[in-house]
């Protein structure tokens, strides 16, 4: 996995190849930053062919291994499509979704009378070639997937994920 260790970098497809790109996207010795502002937007790639009437469909989203996004604080939207942030693979045919941190719940209780509560903890986990990477997850990936799909399907039009083209 290109992102997990130092090594070769890729030429950007969507961003200008310049020092600003490499300074923004690559880790360059920076420590993780665990402060997440409520208005910060995490960016996530999404297959363009899966849009329905121009909007993402929650059932298409994969959350099995948690959620991997790029933080707006350290990233431009198109960076999430760059090979440096995609395990070295280009991502043609994808668009970028943006969701405010404030739209992700801190915790969700199950409705099965078990009393279980799932805590959602964003964690900045930078990679050498993709400093903006953030992982989020809950105790059980299967439950996290179900809860997030349900939560995304209930978002109103004012807080629905926004997407930007290629």
C-alpha atoms as a PDB file:
ATOM      1  CA  UNK A   1       0.000   0.000   0.000  1.00  0.00           C
ATOM      2  CA  UNK A   2       1.656   3.188  -1.189  1.00  0.00           C
ATOM      3  CA  UNK A   3       0.084   5.316   1.527  1.00  0.00           C
ATOM      4  CA  UNK A   4       1.357   3.281   4.477  1.00  0.00           C
ATOM      5  CA  UNK A   5       5.089   3.787   4.039  1.00  0.00           C
ATOM      6  CA  UNK A   6       7.561   6.218   2.575  1.00  0.00           C
ATOM      7  CA  UNK A   7       8.334   5.499  -1.025  1.00  0.00           C
ATOM      8  CA  UNK A   8       7.593   6.580  -4.558  1.00  0.00           C
ATOM      9  CA  UNK A   9       5.130   9.343  -5.141  1.00  0.00           C
ATOM     10  CA  UNK A  10       2.834   9.815  -8.078  1.00  0.00           C
ATOM     11  CA  UNK A  11       2.362  12.660 -10.503  1.00  0.00           C
ATOM     12  CA  UNK A  12      -0.908  14.434  -9.693  1.00  0.00           C
ATOM     13  CA  UNK A  13      -3.728  14.159 -12.245  1.00  0.00           C
ATOM     14  CA  UNK A  14      -6.172  16.801 -10.957  1.00  0.00           C
ATOM     15  CA  UNK A  15      -3.885  19.251  -9.172  1.00  0.00           C
ATOM     16  CA  UNK A  16      -0.970  21.209 -10.643  1.00  0.00           C
ATOM     17  CA  UNK A  17       2.318  19.376 -10.108  1.00  0.00           C
ATOM     18  CA  UNK A  18       4.173  21.958  -8.082  1.00  0.00           C
ATOM     19  CA  UNK A  19       5.769  22.509  -4.699  1.00  0.00           C
ATOM     20  CA  UNK A  20       2.449  23.708  -3.230  1.00  0.00           C
ATOM     21  CA  UNK A  21       0.826  20.341  -4.043  1.00  0.00           C
ATOM     22  CA  UNK A  22       3.642  18.299  -2.482  1.00  0.00           C
ATOM     23  CA  UNK A  23       3.796  20.582   0.576  1.00  0.00           C
ATOM     24  CA  UNK A  24       0.018  20.241   1.089  1.00  0.00           C
ATOM     25  CA  UNK A  25      -0.488  16.559   0.313  1.00  0.00           C
ATOM     26  CA  UNK A  26       2.684  14.840   1.524  1.00  0.00           C
ATOM     27  CA  UNK A  27       3.394  14.369   5.211  1.00  0.00           C
ATOM     28  CA  UNK A  28       6.787  16.095   5.147  1.00  0.00           C
ATOM     29  CA  UNK A  29       7.488  15.203   8.789  1.00  0.00           C
ATOM     30  CA  UNK A  30       4.272  16.772  10.134  1.00  0.00           C
ATOM     31  CA  UNK A  31       2.665  15.201  13.196  1.00  0.00           C
ATOM     32  CA  UNK A  32      -1.025  14.191  13.213  1.00  0.00           C
ATOM     33  CA  UNK A  33      -3.469  16.965  14.134  1.00  0.00           C
ATOM     34  CA  UNK A  34      -6.372  15.657  16.216  1.00  0.00           C
ATOM     35  CA  UNK A  35      -8.330  18.940  16.354  1.00  0.00           C
ATOM     36  CA  UNK A  36     -11.457  18.670  14.186  1.00  0.00           C
ATOM     37  CA  UNK A  37     -13.511  21.837  13.749  1.00  0.00           C
ATOM     38  CA  UNK A  38     -17.278  21.304  13.449  1.00  0.00           C
ATOM     39  CA  UNK A  39     -17.386  23.182  10.132  1.00  0.00           C
ATOM     40  CA  UNK A  40     -14.469  21.245   8.640  1.00  0.00           C
ATOM     41  CA  UNK A  41     -15.483  19.181   5.628  1.00  0.00           C
ATOM     42  CA  UNK A  42     -14.044  15.714   5.124  1.00  0.00           C
ATOM     43  CA  UNK A  43     -13.756  14.836   1.414  1.00  0.00           C
ATOM     44  CA  UNK A  44     -14.519  11.325   0.174  1.00  0.00           C
ATOM     45  CA  UNK A  45     -14.370   9.874  -3.327  1.00  0.00           C
ATOM     46  CA  UNK A  46     -17.528   8.319  -4.753  1.00  0.00           C
ATOM     47  CA  UNK A  47     -18.166   6.536  -8.084  1.00  0.00           C
ATOM     48  CA  UNK A  48     -19.830   8.991 -10.466  1.00  0.00           C
ATOM     49  CA  UNK A  49     -21.828   6.179 -12.118  1.00  0.00           C
ATOM     50  CA  UNK A  50     -23.534   5.520  -8.756  1.00  0.00           C
ATOM     51  CA  UNK A  51     -25.050   9.010  -8.488  1.00  0.00           C
ATOM     52  CA  UNK A  52     -28.838   9.000  -8.786  1.00  0.00           C
ATOM     53  CA  UNK A  53     -30.303  12.266 -10.038  1.00  0.00           C
ATOM     54  CA  UNK A  54     -26.954  13.872  -9.217  1.00  0.00           C
ATOM     55  CA  UNK A  55     -26.929  12.706  -5.585  1.00  0.00           C
ATOM     56  CA  UNK A  56     -25.024   9.942  -3.774  1.00  0.00           C
ATOM     57  CA  UNK A  57     -26.873   6.797  -2.728  1.00  0.00           C
ATOM     58  CA  UNK A  58     -25.939   5.709   0.833  1.00  0.00           C
ATOM     59  CA  UNK A  59     -26.222   2.010   0.004  1.00  0.00           C
ATOM     60  CA  UNK A  60     -23.316   2.326  -2.436  1.00  0.00           C
ATOM     61  CA  UNK A  61     -20.943   3.666   0.225  1.00  0.00           C
ATOM     62  CA  UNK A  62     -18.513   1.184   1.720  1.00  0.00           C
ATOM     63  CA  UNK A  63     -17.735   1.550   5.425  1.00  0.00           C
ATOM     64  CA  UNK A  64     -16.488  -1.969   6.182  1.00  0.00           C
ATOM     65  CA  UNK A  65     -13.033  -0.863   7.277  1.00  0.00           C
ATOM     66  CA  UNK A  66     -14.194   2.444   8.717  1.00  0.00           C
ATOM     67  CA  UNK A  67     -14.288   5.658   6.751  1.00  0.00           C
ATOM     68  CA  UNK A  68     -11.230   7.083   5.064  1.00  0.00           C
ATOM     69  CA  UNK A  69     -11.501  10.715   3.982  1.00  0.00           C
ATOM     70  CA  UNK A  70      -9.240  13.682   3.334  1.00  0.00           C
ATOM     71  CA  UNK A  71      -9.466  16.567   5.747  1.00  0.00           C
ATOM     72  CA  UNK A  72     -10.420  19.940   4.271  1.00  0.00           C
ATOM     73  CA  UNK A  73      -8.008  21.635   6.660  1.00  0.00           C
ATOM     74  CA  UNK A  74      -5.077  20.060   4.797  1.00  0.00           C
ATOM     75  CA  UNK A  75      -6.537  19.258   1.402  1.00  0.00           C
ATOM     76  CA  UNK A  76      -8.227  20.507  -1.726  1.00  0.00           C
ATOM     77  CA  UNK A  77     -11.283  18.463  -2.771  1.00  0.00           C
ATOM     78  CA  UNK A  78      -9.537  16.973  -5.817  1.00  0.00           C
ATOM     79  CA  UNK A  79      -6.661  15.621  -3.672  1.00  0.00           C
ATOM     80  CA  UNK A  80      -8.866  12.704  -2.587  1.00  0.00           C
ATOM     81  CA  UNK A  81      -8.741  11.504  -6.224  1.00  0.00           C
ATOM     82  CA  UNK A  82      -4.962  11.790  -6.592  1.00  0.00           C
ATOM     83  CA  UNK A  83      -2.920   8.554  -6.723  1.00  0.00           C
ATOM     84  CA  UNK A  84      -0.901   9.789  -3.716  1.00  0.00           C
ATOM     85  CA  UNK A  85      -4.110   9.514  -1.649  1.00  0.00           C
ATOM     86  CA  UNK A  86      -5.512   6.429  -3.445  1.00  0.00           C
ATOM     87  CA  UNK A  87      -2.894   3.768  -2.732  1.00  0.00           C
ATOM     88  CA  UNK A  88      -1.074   4.741  -5.913  1.00  0.00           C
ATOM     89  CA  UNK A  89      -4.059   4.160  -8.232  1.00  0.00           C
ATOM     90  CA  UNK A  90      -5.753   6.865 -10.284  1.00  0.00           C
ATOM     91  CA  UNK A  91      -9.508   7.176  -9.664  1.00  0.00           C
ATOM     92  CA  UNK A  92     -11.136   8.195 -12.948  1.00  0.00           C
ATOM     93  CA  UNK A  93     -14.916   8.173 -12.930  1.00  0.00           C
ATOM     94  CA  UNK A  94     -15.173   9.408  -9.341  1.00  0.00           C
ATOM     95  CA  UNK A  95     -16.543  12.610  -7.850  1.00  0.00           C
ATOM     96  CA  UNK A  96     -15.836  14.152  -4.461  1.00  0.00           C
ATOM     97  CA  UNK A  97     -18.371  14.213  -1.628  1.00  0.00           C
ATOM     98  CA  UNK A  98     -18.108  16.701   1.228  1.00  0.00           C
ATOM     99  CA  UNK A  99     -19.849  16.312   4.590  1.00  0.00           C
ATOM    100  CA  UNK A 100     -19.429  18.614   7.588  1.00  0.00           C
ATOM    101  CA  UNK A 101     -17.888  17.112  10.722  1.00  0.00           C
ATOM    102  CA  UNK A 102     -20.919  18.473  12.603  1.00  0.00           C
ATOM    103  CA  UNK A 103     -23.164  16.068  10.612  1.00  0.00           C
ATOM    104  CA  UNK A 104     -21.393  13.005  11.998  1.00  0.00           C
ATOM    105  CA  UNK A 105     -22.852  11.999  15.366  1.00  0.00           C
ATOM    106  CA  UNK A 106     -20.582  11.575  18.410  1.00  0.00           C
ATOM    107  CA  UNK A 107     -22.509   8.463  19.362  1.00  0.00           C
ATOM    108  CA  UNK A 108     -25.481   6.407  18.261  1.00  0.00           C
ATOM    109  CA  UNK A 109     -27.458   4.032  20.452  1.00  0.00           C
ATOM    110  CA  UNK A 110     -28.787   0.866  18.910  1.00  0.00           C
ATOM    111  CA  UNK A 111     -32.523   0.368  18.722  1.00  0.00           C
ATOM    112  CA  UNK A 112     -32.393  -3.350  19.552  1.00  0.00           C
ATOM    113  CA  UNK A 113     -32.832  -2.817  23.330  1.00  0.00           C
ATOM    114  CA  UNK A 114     -29.290  -4.036  23.989  1.00  0.00           C
ATOM    115  CA  UNK A 115     -28.198  -0.674  25.369  1.00  0.00           C
ATOM    116  CA  UNK A 116     -25.168  -0.621  23.059  1.00  0.00           C
ATOM    117  CA  UNK A 117     -23.754   2.770  22.168  1.00  0.00           C
ATOM    118  CA  UNK A 118     -21.305   3.267  19.331  1.00  0.00           C
ATOM    119  CA  UNK A 119     -18.867   6.132  19.696  1.00  0.00           C
ATOM    120  CA  UNK A 120     -17.553   7.774  16.531  1.00  0.00           C
ATOM    121  CA  UNK A 121     -14.040   9.072  16.857  1.00  0.00           C
ATOM    122  CA  UNK A 122     -12.363  10.829  13.956  1.00  0.00           C
ATOM    123  CA  UNK A 123      -8.635  10.259  13.977  1.00  0.00           C
ATOM    124  CA  UNK A 124      -6.080  12.000  11.815  1.00  0.00           C
ATOM    125  CA  UNK A 125      -3.913   9.144  10.532  1.00  0.00           C
ATOM    126  CA  UNK A 126      -1.605  10.713   7.972  1.00  0.00           C
ATOM    127  CA  UNK A 127       0.244   8.644   5.409  1.00  0.00           C
ATOM    128  CA  UNK A 128       3.620   9.585   4.003  1.00  0.00           C
ATOM    129  CA  UNK A 129       2.158  10.471   0.604  1.00  0.00           C
ATOM    130  CA  UNK A 130      -1.221  11.696   1.901  1.00  0.00           C
ATOM    131  CA  UNK A 131      -1.074  13.841   5.024  1.00  0.00           C
ATOM    132  CA  UNK A 132      -4.810  14.816   4.919  1.00  0.00           C
ATOM    133  CA  UNK A 133      -5.998  11.200   5.490  1.00  0.00           C
ATOM    134  CA  UNK A 134      -8.410  10.745   8.386  1.00  0.00           C
ATOM    135  CA  UNK A 135      -9.977   7.506   9.562  1.00  0.00           C
ATOM    136  CA  UNK A 136     -13.228   7.248  11.453  1.00  0.00           C
ATOM    137  CA  UNK A 137     -14.793   4.168  12.871  1.00  0.00           C
ATOM    138  CA  UNK A 138     -16.914   2.556  15.498  1.00  0.00           C
ATOM    139  CA  UNK A 139     -16.623  -0.593  17.555  1.00  0.00           C
ATOM    140  CA  UNK A 140     -18.101  -2.933  14.943  1.00  0.00           C
ATOM    141  CA  UNK A 141     -17.476  -2.313  11.220  1.00  0.00           C
ATOM    142  CA  UNK A 142     -20.706  -4.109  10.220  1.00  0.00           C
ATOM    143  CA  UNK A 143     -22.750  -2.058  12.673  1.00  0.00           C
ATOM    144  CA  UNK A 144     -20.910   1.108  11.681  1.00  0.00           C
ATOM    145  CA  UNK A 145     -21.821   0.428   8.039  1.00  0.00           C
ATOM    146  CA  UNK A 146     -25.499  -0.060   8.864  1.00  0.00           C
ATOM    147  CA  UNK A 147     -25.703   2.975  11.148  1.00  0.00           C
ATOM    148  CA  UNK A 148     -23.910   5.344   8.761  1.00  0.00           C
ATOM    149  CA  UNK A 149     -26.003   4.242   5.768  1.00  0.00           C
ATOM    150  CA  UNK A 150     -29.139   4.830   7.823  1.00  0.00           C
ATOM    151  CA  UNK A 151     -27.861   8.196   9.072  1.00  0.00           C
ATOM    152  CA  UNK A 152     -26.900   9.369   5.571  1.00  0.00           C
ATOM    153  CA  UNK A 153     -30.277   8.366   4.174  1.00  0.00           C
ATOM    154  CA  UNK A 154     -32.029  10.549   6.800  1.00  0.00           C
ATOM    155  CA  UNK A 155     -30.008  13.726   6.225  1.00  0.00           C
ATOM    156  CA  UNK A 156     -32.142  16.631   5.074  1.00  0.00           C
ATOM    157  CA  UNK A 157     -31.453  18.594   1.922  1.00  0.00           C
ATOM    158  CA  UNK A 158     -29.677  21.340   3.907  1.00  0.00           C
ATOM    159  CA  UNK A 159     -27.110  18.909   5.340  1.00  0.00           C
ATOM    160  CA  UNK A 160     -26.883  16.288   2.602  1.00  0.00           C
ATOM    161  CA  UNK A 161     -23.433  15.447   1.321  1.00  0.00           C
ATOM    162  CA  UNK A 162     -22.387  17.873  -1.395  1.00  0.00           C
ATOM    163  CA  UNK A 163     -20.385  16.629  -4.307  1.00  0.00           C
ATOM    164  CA  UNK A 164     -18.131  18.231  -6.799  1.00  0.00           C
ATOM    165  CA  UNK A 165     -17.271  17.007 -10.254  1.00  0.00           C
ATOM    166  CA  UNK A 166     -13.951  15.721 -11.445  1.00  0.00           C
END
